[in-house]
Amino acid sequence: MNDNYSKAFQDLQNRFGRKHLLTNELVKSLLILNIPKKAYGKLLRDQYNTLQNRMRSLESLGLKFDDDPSLSMVLLPIFETKLLCELK
C-alpha cells in the first residue's frame, strides 16, 4: 500500500508540480494582456485584479519580488507596460 501511495504522489507531482512551466505560462499571460484604452472603473478593477492575481501566482511558485532583485528588474517593467498611461 505504501508503494502505491508513493507512486500516486509522484504522478501527481509530475503532472501538477512543474513550476518552470507554470512560471512561463504566467509570464506569457502577462505579455499578451491587453491594456485598457480608457480609465473606466470596471476596466481598471479588472486590470488590477488580473495583475494582482498573476503576481500572487508567481509568488506562490516561490518567485518573490523582494527576495530577488533580478526578478524585479525583469517583471516589474512588464507590469508597468500593462498600466494605462495616466497611471504610470
N, C-alpha and C. Protein backbone atom coordinates (compact mmCIF):
# COMPACT_ATOMS: atom_id res chain seq x y z
N MET A 1 0.83 -1.20 0.00
CA MET A 1 0.00 0.00 0.00
C MET A 1 0.87 1.26 0.00
N ASN A 2 1.95 1.25 0.73
CA ASN A 2 2.83 2.41 0.80
C ASN A 2 3.46 2.71 -0.55
N ASP A 3 3.81 1.66 -1.32
CA ASP A 3 4.38 1.85 -2.65
C ASP A 3 3.37 2.51 -3.59
N ASN A 4 2.13 2.12 -3.48
CA ASN A 4 1.08 2.73 -4.31
C ASN A 4 0.91 4.20 -3.99
N TYR A 5 0.96 4.54 -2.72
CA TYR A 5 0.83 5.94 -2.30
C TYR A 5 1.98 6.75 -2.87
N SER A 6 3.19 6.22 -2.74
CA SER A 6 4.38 6.93 -3.25
C SER A 6 4.28 7.13 -4.76
N LYS A 7 3.85 6.11 -5.47
CA LYS A 7 3.70 6.20 -6.92
C LYS A 7 2.63 7.23 -7.30
N ALA A 8 1.50 7.21 -6.61
CA ALA A 8 0.43 8.16 -6.89
C ALA A 8 0.89 9.59 -6.59
N PHE A 9 1.60 9.77 -5.50
CA PHE A 9 2.10 11.09 -5.14
C PHE A 9 3.10 11.58 -6.19
N GLN A 10 3.97 10.72 -6.62
CA GLN A 10 4.95 11.08 -7.65
C GLN A 10 4.27 11.44 -8.97
N ASP A 11 3.24 10.70 -9.33
CA ASP A 11 2.49 11.00 -10.55
C ASP A 11 1.83 12.38 -10.48
N LEU A 12 1.23 12.68 -9.33
CA LEU A 12 0.61 13.99 -9.14
C LEU A 12 1.65 15.11 -9.19
N GLN A 13 2.77 14.87 -8.57
CA GLN A 13 3.83 15.87 -8.56
C GLN A 13 4.36 16.11 -9.97
N ASN A 14 4.53 15.05 -10.74
CA ASN A 14 5.00 15.20 -12.12
C ASN A 14 3.99 15.94 -12.98
N ARG A 15 2.72 15.71 -12.73
CA ARG A 15 1.68 16.32 -13.56
C ARG A 15 1.43 17.78 -13.21
N PHE A 16 1.38 18.09 -11.92
CA PHE A 16 0.98 19.43 -11.49
C PHE A 16 2.11 20.26 -10.88
N GLY A 17 3.24 19.69 -10.64
CA GLY A 17 4.30 20.39 -9.94
C GLY A 17 5.38 20.97 -10.83
N ARG A 18 5.04 21.34 -12.03
CA ARG A 18 6.01 21.87 -12.98
C ARG A 18 6.09 23.39 -12.83
N LYS A 19 6.88 23.83 -11.87
CA LYS A 19 6.97 25.26 -11.57
C LYS A 19 7.49 26.06 -12.75
N HIS A 20 8.47 25.52 -13.44
CA HIS A 20 9.05 26.23 -14.58
C HIS A 20 8.00 26.46 -15.67
N LEU A 21 7.23 25.44 -15.97
CA LEU A 21 6.19 25.55 -16.98
C LEU A 21 5.09 26.53 -16.54
N LEU A 22 4.69 26.44 -15.28
CA LEU A 22 3.67 27.36 -14.76
C LEU A 22 4.16 28.81 -14.80
N THR A 23 5.42 29.01 -14.44
CA THR A 23 6.00 30.35 -14.46
C THR A 23 6.01 30.90 -15.88
N ASN A 24 6.42 30.09 -16.83
CA ASN A 24 6.42 30.53 -18.23
C ASN A 24 5.03 30.93 -18.69
N GLU A 25 4.04 30.14 -18.35
CA GLU A 25 2.67 30.45 -18.77
C GLU A 25 2.16 31.73 -18.11
N LEU A 26 2.50 31.94 -16.85
CA LEU A 26 2.07 33.18 -16.18
C LEU A 26 2.71 34.40 -16.82
N VAL A 27 3.99 34.32 -17.14
CA VAL A 27 4.67 35.45 -17.77
C VAL A 27 4.11 35.68 -19.16
N LYS A 28 3.85 34.63 -19.91
CA LYS A 28 3.22 34.77 -21.24
C LYS A 28 1.86 35.46 -21.12
N SER A 29 1.09 35.07 -20.11
CA SER A 29 -0.23 35.69 -19.94
C SER A 29 -0.10 37.17 -19.63
N LEU A 30 0.97 37.57 -18.96
CA LEU A 30 1.21 39.00 -18.72
C LEU A 30 1.55 39.72 -20.02
N LEU A 31 2.37 39.08 -20.82
CA LEU A 31 2.81 39.72 -22.06
C LEU A 31 1.67 39.95 -23.05
N ILE A 32 0.70 39.06 -23.07
CA ILE A 32 -0.41 39.22 -24.02
C ILE A 32 -1.61 39.95 -23.44
N LEU A 33 -1.49 40.39 -22.19
CA LEU A 33 -2.58 41.09 -21.53
C LEU A 33 -2.86 42.42 -22.23
N ASN A 34 -4.10 42.66 -22.56
CA ASN A 34 -4.49 43.91 -23.24
C ASN A 34 -4.52 45.07 -22.26
N ILE A 35 -4.12 46.22 -22.75
CA ILE A 35 -4.14 47.44 -21.95
C ILE A 35 -5.48 48.14 -22.20
N PRO A 36 -6.21 48.48 -21.13
CA PRO A 36 -7.47 49.22 -21.34
C PRO A 36 -7.21 50.55 -22.03
N LYS A 37 -8.08 50.93 -22.93
CA LYS A 37 -7.90 52.18 -23.67
C LYS A 37 -8.34 53.41 -22.87
N LYS A 38 -9.31 53.21 -22.01
CA LYS A 38 -9.83 54.32 -21.20
C LYS A 38 -9.84 53.90 -19.74
N ALA A 39 -9.84 54.89 -18.88
CA ALA A 39 -9.79 54.64 -17.44
C ALA A 39 -11.19 54.53 -16.86
N TYR A 40 -11.92 53.50 -17.25
CA TYR A 40 -13.23 53.24 -16.68
C TYR A 40 -13.06 52.40 -15.43
N GLY A 41 -13.94 52.59 -14.46
CA GLY A 41 -13.84 51.91 -13.18
C GLY A 41 -13.74 50.40 -13.28
N LYS A 42 -14.67 49.78 -14.00
CA LYS A 42 -14.67 48.32 -14.10
C LYS A 42 -13.43 47.80 -14.82
N LEU A 43 -13.04 48.46 -15.90
CA LEU A 43 -11.84 48.04 -16.63
C LEU A 43 -10.59 48.14 -15.77
N LEU A 44 -10.49 49.22 -15.00
CA LEU A 44 -9.34 49.38 -14.11
C LEU A 44 -9.31 48.32 -13.02
N ARG A 45 -10.47 48.04 -12.45
CA ARG A 45 -10.55 46.99 -11.42
C ARG A 45 -10.18 45.64 -11.99
N ASP A 46 -10.69 45.34 -13.16
CA ASP A 46 -10.37 44.06 -13.80
C ASP A 46 -8.88 43.94 -14.08
N GLN A 47 -8.30 45.01 -14.60
CA GLN A 47 -6.86 45.00 -14.90
C GLN A 47 -6.05 44.84 -13.62
N TYR A 48 -6.41 45.59 -12.59
CA TYR A 48 -5.72 45.49 -11.31
C TYR A 48 -5.83 44.07 -10.75
N ASN A 49 -7.03 43.51 -10.78
CA ASN A 49 -7.23 42.15 -10.27
C ASN A 49 -6.41 41.13 -11.03
N THR A 50 -6.35 41.28 -12.34
CA THR A 50 -5.56 40.34 -13.16
C THR A 50 -4.08 40.45 -12.83
N LEU A 51 -3.56 41.67 -12.76
CA LEU A 51 -2.14 41.86 -12.43
C LEU A 51 -1.83 41.34 -11.03
N GLN A 52 -2.71 41.62 -10.09
CA GLN A 52 -2.53 41.15 -8.72
C GLN A 52 -2.55 39.62 -8.67
N ASN A 53 -3.46 39.02 -9.41
CA ASN A 53 -3.56 37.56 -9.47
C ASN A 53 -2.28 36.94 -10.02
N ARG A 54 -1.75 37.51 -11.10
CA ARG A 54 -0.52 36.96 -11.69
C ARG A 54 0.65 37.10 -10.72
N MET A 55 0.72 38.24 -10.06
CA MET A 55 1.80 38.47 -9.11
C MET A 55 1.73 37.49 -7.94
N ARG A 56 0.55 37.28 -7.40
CA ARG A 56 0.39 36.32 -6.31
C ARG A 56 0.68 34.90 -6.76
N SER A 57 0.28 34.58 -7.99
CA SER A 57 0.56 33.24 -8.51
C SER A 57 2.06 33.01 -8.64
N LEU A 58 2.78 34.02 -9.13
CA LEU A 58 4.23 33.89 -9.22
C LEU A 58 4.87 33.75 -7.85
N GLU A 59 4.36 34.51 -6.89
CA GLU A 59 4.88 34.41 -5.53
C GLU A 59 4.59 33.04 -4.92
N SER A 60 3.43 32.46 -5.23
CA SER A 60 3.10 31.15 -4.69
C SER A 60 4.00 30.06 -5.28
N LEU A 61 4.60 30.34 -6.43
CA LEU A 61 5.56 29.41 -7.04
C LEU A 61 6.98 29.62 -6.50
N GLY A 62 7.10 30.55 -5.56
CA GLY A 62 8.40 30.79 -4.93
C GLY A 62 9.17 31.95 -5.52
N LEU A 63 8.57 32.68 -6.44
CA LEU A 63 9.22 33.83 -7.05
C LEU A 63 8.79 35.09 -6.33
N LYS A 64 9.61 35.54 -5.40
CA LYS A 64 9.27 36.69 -4.58
C LYS A 64 10.07 37.90 -5.06
N PHE A 65 9.36 38.97 -5.37
CA PHE A 65 9.99 40.17 -5.90
C PHE A 65 10.98 40.77 -4.91
N ASP A 66 10.64 40.73 -3.62
CA ASP A 66 11.51 41.33 -2.61
C ASP A 66 12.80 40.55 -2.41
N ASP A 67 12.77 39.25 -2.64
CA ASP A 67 13.93 38.40 -2.41
C ASP A 67 14.90 38.35 -3.58
N ASP A 68 14.44 38.67 -4.76
CA ASP A 68 15.25 38.50 -5.96
C ASP A 68 15.23 39.78 -6.80
N PRO A 69 16.26 40.62 -6.67
CA PRO A 69 16.28 41.88 -7.41
C PRO A 69 16.25 41.69 -8.93
N SER A 70 16.88 40.64 -9.44
CA SER A 70 16.87 40.42 -10.89
C SER A 70 15.47 40.10 -11.38
N LEU A 71 14.68 39.42 -10.56
CA LEU A 71 13.29 39.13 -10.92
C LEU A 71 12.50 40.43 -11.02
N SER A 72 12.73 41.32 -10.08
CA SER A 72 12.05 42.62 -10.10
C SER A 72 12.44 43.42 -11.33
N MET A 73 13.73 43.35 -11.70
CA MET A 73 14.19 44.11 -12.86
C MET A 73 13.55 43.62 -14.16
N VAL A 74 13.18 42.36 -14.21
CA VAL A 74 12.57 41.81 -15.42
C VAL A 74 11.05 41.96 -15.42
N LEU A 75 10.41 41.60 -14.32
CA LEU A 75 8.95 41.55 -14.30
C LEU A 75 8.27 42.88 -14.04
N LEU A 76 8.85 43.73 -13.23
CA LEU A 76 8.18 45.00 -12.93
C LEU A 76 7.99 45.88 -14.16
N PRO A 77 8.96 45.95 -15.08
CA PRO A 77 8.69 46.70 -16.31
C PRO A 77 7.54 46.10 -17.14
N ILE A 78 7.40 44.78 -17.10
CA ILE A 78 6.28 44.15 -17.81
C ILE A 78 4.97 44.59 -17.18
N PHE A 79 4.91 44.54 -15.84
CA PHE A 79 3.71 45.00 -15.15
C PHE A 79 3.43 46.47 -15.48
N GLU A 80 4.46 47.27 -15.51
CA GLU A 80 4.29 48.70 -15.77
C GLU A 80 3.73 48.97 -17.17
N THR A 81 4.14 48.17 -18.14
CA THR A 81 3.63 48.38 -19.51
C THR A 81 2.15 48.05 -19.62
N LYS A 82 1.61 47.35 -18.66
CA LYS A 82 0.19 46.96 -18.71
C LYS A 82 -0.71 47.97 -18.00
N LEU A 83 -0.13 49.07 -17.54
CA LEU A 83 -0.91 50.13 -16.91
C LEU A 83 -1.26 51.19 -17.95
N LEU A 84 -2.36 51.86 -17.71
CA LEU A 84 -2.73 53.00 -18.55
C LEU A 84 -1.67 54.08 -18.43
N CYS A 85 -1.51 54.85 -19.48
CA CYS A 85 -0.51 55.94 -19.46
C CYS A 85 -0.77 56.90 -18.31
N GLU A 86 -2.05 57.15 -17.99
CA GLU A 86 -2.39 58.08 -16.91
C GLU A 86 -1.94 57.58 -15.54
N LEU A 87 -1.71 56.29 -15.42
CA LEU A 87 -1.34 55.71 -14.12
C LEU A 87 0.15 55.49 -13.95
N LYS A 88 0.90 55.71 -14.99
CA LYS A 88 2.37 55.48 -14.93
C LYS A 88 3.05 56.62 -14.27
